[in-house]
Amino acid sequence: MGIPVSTSLLVLTAFKGLVGQQQGEDATGAIDLFASMMEKSLVGYMIAAVLGFVIVMIVLHKMERKIHEEGEHPNKLHPKWMVFQWCSTGFPVSEPVPAVEQVAE
């Protein structure tokens, strides 16, 4: 599968600094490149966080508006939904918990 792209870029940046020092050059180019990469990563994470927040707020607004429009009308759930709910929550609860002696062995 390989290593993530961001890790590859950080490793290559470090090698650029090492090679630069071995060749008698200053390593500030690698430091500047690293700072630029980190700045771009942080800006990307900030954009993703803001965009995610906006999407959540839009979805919540639409859901709340739909619920408010329904008003006093009771929600009619499909009968199979209750069976699915009981199966999905009942199965984990019905699993036996191992005794303390069994866990210690």
C-alpha atoms as a PDB file:
ATOM      1  CA  MET A   1       0.000   0.000   0.000  1.00  0.00           C
ATOM      2  CA  GLY A   2       2.841   2.420   0.713  1.00  0.00           C
ATOM      3  CA  ILE A   3       3.348   5.359   2.991  1.00  0.00           C
ATOM      4  CA  PRO A   4       1.031   8.383   2.917  1.00  0.00           C
ATOM      5  CA  VAL A   5       1.891  11.214   0.564  1.00  0.00           C
ATOM      6  CA  SER A   6       2.380  13.737   3.368  1.00  0.00           C
ATOM      7  CA  THR A   7       4.907  11.457   5.078  1.00  0.00           C
ATOM      8  CA  SER A   8       6.733  10.983   1.785  1.00  0.00           C
ATOM      9  CA  LEU A   9       6.952  14.727   1.274  1.00  0.00           C
ATOM     10  CA  LEU A  10       8.285  15.294   4.792  1.00  0.00           C
ATOM     11  CA  VAL A  11      10.937  12.603   4.319  1.00  0.00           C
ATOM     12  CA  LEU A  12      11.959  14.038   0.939  1.00  0.00           C
ATOM     13  CA  THR A  13      12.216  17.504   2.477  1.00  0.00           C
ATOM     14  CA  ALA A  14      14.479  16.159   5.212  1.00  0.00           C
ATOM     15  CA  PHE A  15      16.681  14.442   2.611  1.00  0.00           C
ATOM     16  CA  LYS A  16      16.877  17.676   0.621  1.00  0.00           C
ATOM     17  CA  GLY A  17      18.330  19.375   3.699  1.00  0.00           C
ATOM     18  CA  LEU A  18      20.783  16.513   4.318  1.00  0.00           C
ATOM     19  CA  VAL A  19      21.971  16.433   0.712  1.00  0.00           C
ATOM     20  CA  GLY A  20      22.266  20.203   0.708  1.00  0.00           C
ATOM     21  CA  GLN A  21      24.477  20.123   3.796  1.00  0.00           C
ATOM     22  CA  GLN A  22      26.624  17.320   2.354  1.00  0.00           C
ATOM     23  CA  GLN A  23      27.192  19.371  -0.765  1.00  0.00           C
ATOM     24  CA  GLY A  24      28.224  22.378   1.312  1.00  0.00           C
ATOM     25  CA  GLU A  25      25.009  24.315   0.723  1.00  0.00           C
ATOM     26  CA  ASP A  26      22.825  25.945   3.319  1.00  0.00           C
ATOM     27  CA  ALA A  27      19.829  23.919   4.535  1.00  0.00           C
ATOM     28  CA  THR A  28      17.508  26.942   4.644  1.00  0.00           C
ATOM     29  CA  GLY A  29      15.888  25.867   1.372  1.00  0.00           C
ATOM     30  CA  ALA A  30      14.666  22.662   3.001  1.00  0.00           C
ATOM     31  CA  ILE A  31      13.478  24.571   6.053  1.00  0.00           C
ATOM     32  CA  ASP A  32      11.568  27.045   3.870  1.00  0.00           C
ATOM     33  CA  LEU A  33      10.046  24.187   1.877  1.00  0.00           C
ATOM     34  CA  PHE A  34       8.996  22.425   5.090  1.00  0.00           C
ATOM     35  CA  ALA A  35       7.433  25.609   6.486  1.00  0.00           C
ATOM     36  CA  SER A  36       5.549  26.145   3.236  1.00  0.00           C
ATOM     37  CA  MET A  37       4.250  22.563   3.250  1.00  0.00           C
ATOM     38  CA  MET A  38       3.098  22.839   6.868  1.00  0.00           C
ATOM     39  CA  GLU A  39       1.369  26.152   6.153  1.00  0.00           C
ATOM     40  CA  LYS A  40      -0.494  24.659   3.192  1.00  0.00           C
ATOM     41  CA  SER A  41      -1.498  21.620   5.260  1.00  0.00           C
ATOM     42  CA  LEU A  42      -2.847  23.764   8.083  1.00  0.00           C
ATOM     43  CA  VAL A  43      -4.774  25.975   5.672  1.00  0.00           C
ATOM     44  CA  GLY A  44      -6.229  22.842   4.050  1.00  0.00           C
ATOM     45  CA  TYR A  45      -7.325  21.459   7.426  1.00  0.00           C
ATOM     46  CA  MET A  46      -8.899  24.810   8.331  1.00  0.00           C
ATOM     47  CA  ILE A  47     -10.828  24.932   5.054  1.00  0.00           C
ATOM     48  CA  ALA A  48     -12.034  21.352   5.589  1.00  0.00           C
ATOM     49  CA  ALA A  49     -13.157  22.137   9.151  1.00  0.00           C
ATOM     50  CA  VAL A  50     -15.052  25.271   8.123  1.00  0.00           C
ATOM     51  CA  LEU A  51     -16.643  23.531   5.146  1.00  0.00           C
ATOM     52  CA  GLY A  52     -17.661  20.571   7.323  1.00  0.00           C
ATOM     53  CA  PHE A  53     -19.201  22.919   9.892  1.00  0.00           C
ATOM     54  CA  VAL A  54     -21.161  24.762   7.192  1.00  0.00           C
ATOM     55  CA  ILE A  55     -22.464  21.491   5.710  1.00  0.00           C
ATOM     56  CA  VAL A  56     -23.548  20.228   9.139  1.00  0.00           C
ATOM     57  CA  MET A  57     -25.331  23.494   9.873  1.00  0.00           C
ATOM     58  CA  ILE A  58     -27.172  23.386   6.519  1.00  0.00           C
ATOM     59  CA  VAL A  59     -28.262  19.774   7.046  1.00  0.00           C
ATOM     60  CA  LEU A  60     -29.381  20.494  10.619  1.00  0.00           C
ATOM     61  CA  HIS A  61     -31.328  23.548   9.472  1.00  0.00           C
ATOM     62  CA  LYS A  62     -33.125  21.537   6.798  1.00  0.00           C
ATOM     63  CA  MET A  63     -33.901  18.716   9.242  1.00  0.00           C
ATOM     64  CA  GLU A  64     -35.210  21.104  11.896  1.00  0.00           C
ATOM     65  CA  ARG A  65     -37.362  22.897   9.329  1.00  0.00           C
ATOM     66  CA  LYS A  66     -38.821  19.583   8.143  1.00  0.00           C
ATOM     67  CA  ILE A  67     -39.555  18.501  11.720  1.00  0.00           C
ATOM     68  CA  HIS A  68     -41.149  21.872  12.468  1.00  0.00           C
ATOM     69  CA  GLU A  69     -43.350  21.599   9.333  1.00  0.00           C
ATOM     70  CA  GLU A  70     -44.601  18.177  10.445  1.00  0.00           C
ATOM     71  CA  GLY A  71     -45.931  19.794  13.602  1.00  0.00           C
ATOM     72  CA  GLU A  72     -48.441  17.692  15.509  1.00  0.00           C
ATOM     73  CA  HIS A  73     -48.472  14.813  13.024  1.00  0.00           C
ATOM     74  CA  PRO A  74     -47.139  11.695  14.721  1.00  0.00           C
ATOM     75  CA  ASN A  75     -44.272   9.935  13.015  1.00  0.00           C
ATOM     76  CA  LYS A  76     -45.432   6.602  11.625  1.00  0.00           C
ATOM     77  CA  LEU A  77     -42.525   4.201  11.504  1.00  0.00           C
ATOM     78  CA  HIS A  78     -42.511   1.146   9.314  1.00  0.00           C
ATOM     79  CA  PRO A  79     -43.202  -2.002  11.404  1.00  0.00           C
ATOM     80  CA  LYS A  80     -39.952  -3.614  10.250  1.00  0.00           C
ATOM     81  CA  TRP A  81     -38.027  -0.743  11.784  1.00  0.00           C
ATOM     82  CA  MET A  82     -38.900  -1.871  15.316  1.00  0.00           C
ATOM     83  CA  VAL A  83     -37.739  -5.425  14.545  1.00  0.00           C
ATOM     84  CA  PHE A  84     -34.452  -4.081  13.145  1.00  0.00           C
ATOM     85  CA  GLN A  85     -34.020  -1.847  16.195  1.00  0.00           C
ATOM     86  CA  TRP A  86     -34.576  -4.738  18.610  1.00  0.00           C
ATOM     87  CA  CYS A  87     -32.155  -6.986  16.711  1.00  0.00           C
ATOM     88  CA  SER A  88     -29.403  -4.392  16.423  1.00  0.00           C
ATOM     89  CA  THR A  89     -29.496  -3.350  20.087  1.00  0.00           C
ATOM     90  CA  GLY A  90     -30.567  -6.654  21.609  1.00  0.00           C
ATOM     91  CA  PHE A  91     -27.796  -8.791  20.116  1.00  0.00           C
ATOM     92  CA  PRO A  92     -24.863  -6.987  21.811  1.00  0.00           C
ATOM     93  CA  VAL A  93     -26.728  -6.934  25.114  1.00  0.00           C
ATOM     94  CA  SER A  94     -27.506 -10.663  24.905  1.00  0.00           C
ATOM     95  CA  GLU A  95     -23.826 -11.632  24.498  1.00  0.00           C
ATOM     96  CA  PRO A  96     -22.460 -13.251  27.667  1.00  0.00           C
ATOM     97  CA  VAL A  97     -19.765 -11.357  29.518  1.00  0.00           C
ATOM     98  CA  PRO A  98     -16.716 -13.540  30.232  1.00  0.00           C
ATOM     99  CA  ALA A  99     -15.963 -14.217  33.874  1.00  0.00           C
ATOM    100  CA  VAL A 100     -12.964 -12.539  35.444  1.00  0.00           C
ATOM    101  CA  GLU A 101     -11.169 -15.880  35.795  1.00  0.00           C
ATOM    102  CA  GLN A 102     -11.496 -16.566  32.052  1.00  0.00           C
ATOM    103  CA  VAL A 103     -10.034 -13.186  31.138  1.00  0.00           C
ATOM    104  CA  ALA A 104      -7.034 -13.581  33.455  1.00  0.00           C
ATOM    105  CA  GLU A 105      -5.951 -16.913  31.887  1.00  0.00           C
END
